[in-house]
Amino acid sequence: MTKLENPVLMAVVGAAQGLRGEVRVKAFTADPLALGEYGNLRSMDGRVFEVLDIREAKNVVVVRFRGINDRNAAEALNGLELYVEREAFPDEELDEDEFYYADLEGLEVYDGDGQHYGAVTGVYDFGAGDLLELKGPGKRPVLIPFSEAAVLEIDLEASKILIDPIAAGLKDLDEDKPYGAGKGRPDKGE
């Protein structure tokens, strides 16, 4: 059981499907049926899962893993997150301006004036567009839109992201202060 060095979340196991050990799986791959093409999947506790069979279902895929042969074993996997190492992704297939979201985590975020906003700690999509989560030392995490207006440049080699803090919602348009800082309550005439 080796520890994952640079894990990328690929899927989350859901409920058991039938009696033969199959499980419903929410895959985070562009093509859910390609889940098994990245090699064996691993859990954070070191277990390894080999995909034996995979088929499409309504909003998920139904997967059969080696060694999971009955409903009880399948039910024990409910909620388990499955990962692969970052090295499982082929970099040579990417265009010059393409990257994997996993490569963004840990990049330091700055604006054009050199102000530091923290590092990317996650990339999320809640349905209305992708968001970057930023966390700085001693600061609460903040979400910014992952859009061309907010994210101006991504430099993987320098481990930096350049943002427009106004478009990202981190500064007020009328002031050069962090968004919301020093503003009085409009209903009190301040």
Protein backbone atom coordinates (compact mmCIF):
# COMPACT_ATOMS: atom_id res chain seq x y z
CA MET A 1 0.00 0.00 0.00
CA THR A 2 1.87 3.01 -1.28
CA LYS A 3 0.82 6.54 -0.47
CA LEU A 4 -0.34 8.69 -3.36
CA GLU A 5 2.20 11.42 -4.10
CA ASN A 6 0.17 13.68 -6.41
CA PRO A 7 -3.43 12.36 -6.37
CA VAL A 8 -6.13 13.47 -8.78
CA LEU A 9 -9.73 12.72 -7.81
CA MET A 10 -11.30 10.66 -10.60
CA ALA A 11 -14.54 9.34 -9.14
CA VAL A 12 -16.70 8.79 -6.08
CA VAL A 13 -18.37 5.45 -5.47
CA GLY A 14 -22.10 5.54 -4.81
CA ALA A 15 -24.66 2.89 -3.99
CA ALA A 16 -24.45 -0.79 -4.81
CA GLN A 17 -26.10 -1.88 -8.08
CA GLY A 18 -27.62 -5.35 -8.03
CA LEU A 19 -26.31 -8.41 -6.22
CA ARG A 20 -23.03 -9.19 -8.06
CA GLY A 21 -20.83 -6.48 -6.55
CA GLU A 22 -21.39 -3.68 -9.05
CA VAL A 23 -21.46 -0.07 -7.85
CA ARG A 24 -22.78 3.20 -9.21
CA VAL A 25 -19.89 5.63 -9.71
CA LYS A 26 -19.83 9.40 -10.33
CA ALA A 27 -16.86 9.87 -12.68
CA PHE A 28 -15.11 13.23 -13.09
CA THR A 29 -13.60 12.37 -16.47
CA ALA A 30 -14.71 14.03 -19.72
CA ASP A 31 -15.87 10.60 -20.91
CA PRO A 32 -17.17 8.64 -17.90
CA LEU A 33 -16.66 5.35 -19.73
CA ALA A 34 -12.92 6.13 -19.95
CA LEU A 35 -12.53 5.83 -16.17
CA GLY A 36 -10.71 2.51 -16.45
CA GLU A 37 -8.27 3.80 -19.09
CA TYR A 38 -6.14 5.63 -16.51
CA GLY A 39 -4.94 2.42 -14.87
CA ASN A 40 -5.85 1.17 -11.44
CA LEU A 41 -7.78 3.53 -9.20
CA ARG A 42 -6.65 4.03 -5.61
CA SER A 43 -8.26 5.14 -2.39
CA MET A 44 -6.42 7.43 0.02
CA ASP A 45 -6.01 4.50 2.44
CA GLY A 46 -3.91 2.69 -0.18
CA ARG A 47 -6.40 0.18 -1.59
CA VAL A 48 -6.16 -0.50 -5.32
CA PHE A 49 -9.21 -0.98 -7.56
CA GLU A 50 -9.02 -2.52 -11.01
CA VAL A 51 -11.99 -1.83 -13.29
CA LEU A 52 -13.23 -5.10 -14.79
CA ASP A 53 -16.38 -3.82 -16.44
CA ILE A 54 -17.97 -0.42 -16.93
CA ARG A 55 -21.24 0.63 -18.53
CA GLU A 56 -23.24 3.81 -18.75
CA ALA A 57 -26.26 4.42 -16.55
CA LYS A 58 -28.51 7.49 -16.26
CA ASN A 59 -26.20 10.05 -14.57
CA VAL A 60 -23.38 7.72 -13.54
CA VAL A 61 -21.49 4.66 -14.69
CA VAL A 62 -21.94 1.20 -13.25
CA VAL A 63 -18.59 -0.39 -12.45
CA ARG A 64 -17.44 -3.82 -11.42
CA PHE A 65 -14.10 -3.92 -9.61
CA ARG A 66 -11.84 -6.96 -9.22
CA GLY A 67 -12.45 -8.59 -5.85
CA ILE A 68 -15.82 -6.94 -5.20
CA ASN A 69 -18.11 -9.91 -5.82
CA ASP A 70 -21.26 -9.37 -3.78
CA ARG A 71 -23.64 -6.66 -2.64
CA ASN A 72 -22.18 -6.44 0.88
CA ALA A 73 -18.69 -5.73 -0.46
CA ALA A 74 -20.15 -3.18 -2.90
CA GLU A 75 -22.13 -1.42 -0.16
CA ALA A 76 -18.94 -1.06 1.92
CA LEU A 77 -17.48 1.15 -0.85
CA ASN A 78 -20.28 3.76 -0.76
CA GLY A 79 -18.78 7.26 -0.56
CA LEU A 80 -15.21 6.12 -1.33
CA GLU A 81 -13.16 8.60 -3.36
CA LEU A 82 -10.96 7.09 -6.07
CA TYR A 83 -7.76 8.67 -7.36
CA VAL A 84 -4.94 8.19 -9.84
CA GLU A 85 -1.47 9.71 -9.79
CA ARG A 86 -1.08 12.88 -11.86
CA GLU A 87 1.50 11.06 -13.99
CA ALA A 88 -1.32 8.94 -15.47
CA PHE A 89 -2.36 11.91 -17.61
CA PRO A 90 -0.57 12.33 -20.95
CA ASP A 91 1.01 15.79 -21.20
CA GLU A 92 2.03 15.35 -24.83
CA GLU A 93 -1.62 15.47 -25.94
CA LEU A 94 -2.11 18.98 -24.54
CA ASP A 95 -1.90 22.09 -26.70
CA GLU A 96 0.33 24.95 -25.60
CA ASP A 97 -2.50 26.81 -23.82
CA GLU A 98 -4.11 23.68 -22.29
CA PHE A 99 -3.58 22.19 -18.84
CA TYR A 100 -5.21 19.88 -16.33
CA TYR A 101 -7.12 21.45 -13.46
CA ALA A 102 -4.99 19.38 -11.07
CA ASP A 103 -1.96 21.37 -12.29
CA LEU A 104 -3.53 24.62 -11.05
CA GLU A 105 -3.60 23.56 -7.40
CA GLY A 106 -0.75 25.16 -5.51
CA LEU A 107 -0.15 27.97 -8.01
CA GLU A 108 0.37 31.38 -6.38
CA VAL A 109 -2.10 34.11 -7.40
CA TYR A 110 -1.06 37.74 -8.00
CA ASP A 111 -2.50 40.84 -9.62
CA GLY A 112 -0.68 43.16 -12.05
CA ASP A 113 0.64 45.27 -9.14
CA GLY A 114 2.24 42.23 -7.52
CA GLN A 115 -0.29 41.92 -4.69
CA HIS A 116 -0.48 38.30 -3.53
CA TYR A 117 -3.92 36.72 -3.01
CA GLY A 118 -2.88 33.26 -1.88
CA ALA A 119 -2.60 29.93 -3.68
CA VAL A 120 -5.14 27.87 -5.60
CA THR A 121 -6.45 25.16 -3.28
CA GLY A 122 -9.21 23.80 -5.50
CA VAL A 123 -11.12 24.06 -8.75
CA TYR A 124 -14.89 23.65 -8.55
CA ASP A 125 -17.90 23.61 -10.84
CA PHE A 126 -21.23 24.00 -9.08
CA GLY A 127 -23.09 24.35 -12.37
CA ALA A 128 -22.73 28.03 -13.20
CA GLY A 129 -19.10 27.94 -14.34
CA ASP A 130 -15.75 26.96 -12.96
CA LEU A 131 -14.43 28.60 -9.80
CA LEU A 132 -10.95 28.77 -8.31
CA GLU A 133 -10.60 28.55 -4.54
CA LEU A 134 -7.81 30.75 -3.18
CA LYS A 135 -6.36 30.51 0.32
CA GLY A 136 -3.73 32.83 1.74
CA PRO A 137 -1.87 32.57 5.04
CA GLY A 138 -4.22 33.54 7.85
CA LYS A 139 -7.07 34.19 5.42
CA ARG A 140 -10.33 32.43 4.77
CA PRO A 141 -10.69 30.66 1.42
CA VAL A 142 -12.33 32.74 -1.29
CA LEU A 143 -13.84 31.64 -4.62
CA ILE A 144 -13.19 33.58 -7.82
CA PRO A 145 -14.60 32.95 -11.29
CA PHE A 146 -12.31 30.96 -13.57
CA SER A 147 -13.02 33.17 -16.57
CA GLU A 148 -10.95 35.05 -19.15
CA ALA A 149 -11.92 38.34 -17.50
CA ALA A 150 -10.78 37.31 -14.00
CA VAL A 151 -7.84 35.01 -14.83
CA LEU A 152 -5.53 36.85 -17.21
CA GLU A 153 -2.58 34.48 -17.40
CA ILE A 154 -1.56 31.03 -16.18
CA ASP A 155 2.19 30.36 -16.02
CA LEU A 156 2.72 26.74 -15.00
CA GLU A 157 6.51 27.00 -15.24
CA ALA A 158 6.64 29.95 -12.82
CA SER A 159 3.82 28.46 -10.67
CA LYS A 160 1.86 31.72 -10.92
CA ILE A 161 -1.54 32.97 -11.99
CA LEU A 162 -2.18 36.61 -12.90
CA ILE A 163 -5.68 37.87 -12.10
CA ASP A 164 -7.73 41.03 -12.49
CA PRO A 165 -8.85 41.57 -8.88
CA ILE A 166 -11.88 43.64 -9.89
CA ALA A 167 -13.20 41.03 -12.35
CA ALA A 168 -12.41 38.36 -9.76
CA GLY A 169 -14.53 40.20 -7.17
CA LEU A 170 -11.58 40.78 -4.83
CA LYS A 171 -11.47 44.59 -5.10
CA ASP A 172 -14.17 47.21 -5.41
CA LEU A 173 -14.44 48.94 -8.79
CA ASP A 174 -14.44 52.47 -7.30
CA GLU A 175 -11.65 52.02 -4.82
CA ASP A 176 -8.20 50.52 -4.64
CA LYS A 177 -9.13 48.69 -1.44
CA PRO A 178 -10.07 45.06 -0.98
CA TYR A 179 -13.70 44.55 -1.90
CA GLY A 180 -16.01 45.70 0.89
CA ALA A 181 -13.23 47.19 3.06
CA GLY A 182 -13.86 50.56 4.66
CA LYS A 183 -17.39 50.95 3.36
CA GLY A 184 -20.10 52.28 5.55
CA ARG A 185 -23.66 51.07 5.53
CA PRO A 186 -25.54 52.80 2.70
CA ASP A 187 -28.75 52.86 4.72
CA LYS A 188 -27.01 54.91 7.44
CA GLY A 189 -25.67 57.60 5.10
CA GLU A 190 -22.03 56.67 5.75
